[in-house]
Amino acid sequence: MQVSICYALPQRQYLETVDVAEGSTVSEAIAASRLLEAFPDLDLSSHGFGIFAKLAKADTVLQLGDRVEIYRPLPRKPRNARDVADKKARIRAKKEEQST
């Protein structure tokens, strides 16, 4: 059966369709792909996995046509990043207000 393997970096993305046996797991499909050859520094133990944007474990059994996604760890939570950006904008606005 065919499944797709997806991995994306800011400047590069990887998408490959691989043939795996019925009952194969996420980790077996990743091993069957050339992902680890394309990204030799990739440490899968620190990454999450998903199937069509739903979290999955490495031992999840795949179905025909599934898209396995490898998620990179976030440097910080998106909400925290947004809060930091908002705080910087408020400080900038206050400084501009004081200088006029």
C-alpha atoms as a PDB file:
ATOM      1  CA  MET A   1       0.000   0.000   0.000  1.00  0.00           C
ATOM      2  CA  GLN A   2       1.146   3.550  -0.618  1.00  0.00           C
ATOM      3  CA  VAL A   3       1.587   6.225   2.047  1.00  0.00           C
ATOM      4  CA  SER A   4       3.210   9.659   1.945  1.00  0.00           C
ATOM      5  CA  ILE A   5       5.960  10.926   4.236  1.00  0.00           C
ATOM      6  CA  CYS A   6       6.208  14.705   4.827  1.00  0.00           C
ATOM      7  CA  TYR A   7       8.820  16.770   6.619  1.00  0.00           C
ATOM      8  CA  ALA A   8       9.307  20.518   6.279  1.00  0.00           C
ATOM      9  CA  LEU A   9      12.038  22.920   7.257  1.00  0.00           C
ATOM     10  CA  PRO A  10      11.793  26.698   6.760  1.00  0.00           C
ATOM     11  CA  GLN A  11      13.783  26.562   3.505  1.00  0.00           C
ATOM     12  CA  ARG A  12      13.240  22.988   2.346  1.00  0.00           C
ATOM     13  CA  GLN A  13      10.521  20.388   2.316  1.00  0.00           C
ATOM     14  CA  TYR A  14      10.475  16.647   1.805  1.00  0.00           C
ATOM     15  CA  LEU A  15       7.510  14.726   0.421  1.00  0.00           C
ATOM     16  CA  GLU A  16       7.778  11.152  -0.772  1.00  0.00           C
ATOM     17  CA  THR A  17       5.304   8.368  -1.466  1.00  0.00           C
ATOM     18  CA  VAL A  18       6.478   4.935  -0.374  1.00  0.00           C
ATOM     19  CA  ASP A  19       5.137   1.410  -0.723  1.00  0.00           C
ATOM     20  CA  VAL A  20       4.818  -0.407   2.595  1.00  0.00           C
ATOM     21  CA  ALA A  21       3.251  -3.686   3.622  1.00  0.00           C
ATOM     22  CA  GLU A  22      -0.260  -3.823   5.056  1.00  0.00           C
ATOM     23  CA  GLY A  23      -0.131  -3.286   8.813  1.00  0.00           C
ATOM     24  CA  SER A  24       3.010  -1.140   8.683  1.00  0.00           C
ATOM     25  CA  THR A  25       3.511   1.477  11.374  1.00  0.00           C
ATOM     26  CA  VAL A  26       4.530   5.124  11.215  1.00  0.00           C
ATOM     27  CA  SER A  27       8.117   4.304  12.176  1.00  0.00           C
ATOM     28  CA  GLU A  28       8.345   1.522   9.577  1.00  0.00           C
ATOM     29  CA  ALA A  29       7.083   3.859   6.840  1.00  0.00           C
ATOM     30  CA  ILE A  30       9.622   6.510   7.816  1.00  0.00           C
ATOM     31  CA  ALA A  31      12.386   3.890   7.730  1.00  0.00           C
ATOM     32  CA  ALA A  32      11.214   2.757   4.265  1.00  0.00           C
ATOM     33  CA  SER A  33      11.419   6.319   2.946  1.00  0.00           C
ATOM     34  CA  ARG A  34      14.666   8.092   2.144  1.00  0.00           C
ATOM     35  CA  LEU A  35      13.996  10.753   4.773  1.00  0.00           C
ATOM     36  CA  LEU A  36      16.927   9.835   7.008  1.00  0.00           C
ATOM     37  CA  GLU A  37      19.250   9.807   3.992  1.00  0.00           C
ATOM     38  CA  ALA A  38      18.085  13.294   2.996  1.00  0.00           C
ATOM     39  CA  PHE A  39      18.358  14.581   6.588  1.00  0.00           C
ATOM     40  CA  PRO A  40      21.116  12.583   8.323  1.00  0.00           C
ATOM     41  CA  ASP A  41      21.103  14.916  11.362  1.00  0.00           C
ATOM     42  CA  LEU A  42      17.392  14.292  11.990  1.00  0.00           C
ATOM     43  CA  ASP A  43      16.755  12.886  15.475  1.00  0.00           C
ATOM     44  CA  LEU A  44      13.249  11.439  15.334  1.00  0.00           C
ATOM     45  CA  SER A  45      13.115  10.967  19.112  1.00  0.00           C
ATOM     46  CA  SER A  46      12.630  14.729  19.555  1.00  0.00           C
ATOM     47  CA  HIS A  47       9.944  15.042  16.867  1.00  0.00           C
ATOM     48  CA  GLY A  48       6.231  14.411  16.920  1.00  0.00           C
ATOM     49  CA  PHE A  49       4.272  12.503  14.305  1.00  0.00           C
ATOM     50  CA  GLY A  50       0.867  12.929  12.780  1.00  0.00           C
ATOM     51  CA  ILE A  51      -1.412  11.468  10.161  1.00  0.00           C
ATOM     52  CA  PHE A  52      -3.331  14.115   8.246  1.00  0.00           C
ATOM     53  CA  ALA A  53      -2.686  16.693  11.033  1.00  0.00           C
ATOM     54  CA  LYS A  54      -3.850  14.400  13.858  1.00  0.00           C
ATOM     55  CA  LEU A  55      -1.206  13.389  16.375  1.00  0.00           C
ATOM     56  CA  ALA A  56      -0.038   9.798  16.095  1.00  0.00           C
ATOM     57  CA  LYS A  57       2.505   7.594  17.803  1.00  0.00           C
ATOM     58  CA  ALA A  58       5.375   5.808  16.101  1.00  0.00           C
ATOM     59  CA  ASP A  59       3.582   2.476  16.511  1.00  0.00           C
ATOM     60  CA  THR A  60       0.325   3.630  14.891  1.00  0.00           C
ATOM     61  CA  VAL A  61      -0.753   1.265  12.100  1.00  0.00           C
ATOM     62  CA  LEU A  62      -1.183   3.018   8.755  1.00  0.00           C
ATOM     63  CA  GLN A  63      -4.027   2.825   6.261  1.00  0.00           C
ATOM     64  CA  LEU A  64      -3.835   3.062   2.482  1.00  0.00           C
ATOM     65  CA  GLY A  65      -3.148   6.641   1.379  1.00  0.00           C
ATOM     66  CA  ASP A  66      -2.203   8.037   4.807  1.00  0.00           C
ATOM     67  CA  ARG A  67       0.098  11.056   4.955  1.00  0.00           C
ATOM     68  CA  VAL A  68       2.658  10.712   7.745  1.00  0.00           C
ATOM     69  CA  GLU A  69       3.857  14.099   8.966  1.00  0.00           C
ATOM     70  CA  ILE A  70       6.968  14.669  11.050  1.00  0.00           C
ATOM     71  CA  TYR A  71       6.612  17.718  13.288  1.00  0.00           C
ATOM     72  CA  ARG A  72       9.609  19.787  14.320  1.00  0.00           C
ATOM     73  CA  PRO A  73       9.764  20.958  17.932  1.00  0.00           C
ATOM     74  CA  LEU A  74       8.782  24.599  18.300  1.00  0.00           C
ATOM     75  CA  PRO A  75      11.411  26.959  19.731  1.00  0.00           C
ATOM     76  CA  ARG A  76       8.632  28.436  21.876  1.00  0.00           C
ATOM     77  CA  LYS A  77       4.890  28.125  22.059  1.00  0.00           C
ATOM     78  CA  PRO A  78       3.098  30.226  19.413  1.00  0.00           C
ATOM     79  CA  ARG A  79       1.004  32.000  22.049  1.00  0.00           C
ATOM     80  CA  ASN A  80       4.129  33.007  23.985  1.00  0.00           C
ATOM     81  CA  ALA A  81       5.761  34.299  20.798  1.00  0.00           C
ATOM     82  CA  ARG A  82       2.655  36.384  20.050  1.00  0.00           C
ATOM     83  CA  ASP A  83       2.648  37.766  23.612  1.00  0.00           C
ATOM     84  CA  VAL A  84       6.299  38.798  23.298  1.00  0.00           C
ATOM     85  CA  ALA A  85       5.613  40.525  19.961  1.00  0.00           C
ATOM     86  CA  ASP A  86       2.633  42.370  21.469  1.00  0.00           C
ATOM     87  CA  LYS A  87       4.691  43.531  24.439  1.00  0.00           C
ATOM     88  CA  LYS A  88       7.451  44.837  22.143  1.00  0.00           C
ATOM     89  CA  ALA A  89       4.864  46.710  20.075  1.00  0.00           C
ATOM     90  CA  ARG A  90       3.388  48.325  23.220  1.00  0.00           C
ATOM     91  CA  ILE A  91       6.863  49.394  24.408  1.00  0.00           C
ATOM     92  CA  ARG A  92       7.666  50.821  20.962  1.00  0.00           C
ATOM     93  CA  ALA A  93       4.373  52.751  20.889  1.00  0.00           C
ATOM     94  CA  LYS A  94       4.966  54.117  24.394  1.00  0.00           C
ATOM     95  CA  LYS A  95       8.487  55.294  23.468  1.00  0.00           C
ATOM     96  CA  GLU A  96       7.160  57.024  20.332  1.00  0.00           C
ATOM     97  CA  GLU A  97       4.413  58.665  22.386  1.00  0.00           C
ATOM     98  CA  GLN A  98       6.937  59.961  24.920  1.00  0.00           C
ATOM     99  CA  SER A  99       9.275  61.341  22.266  1.00  0.00           C
ATOM    100  CA  THR A 100       6.561  63.510  20.674  1.00  0.00           C
END
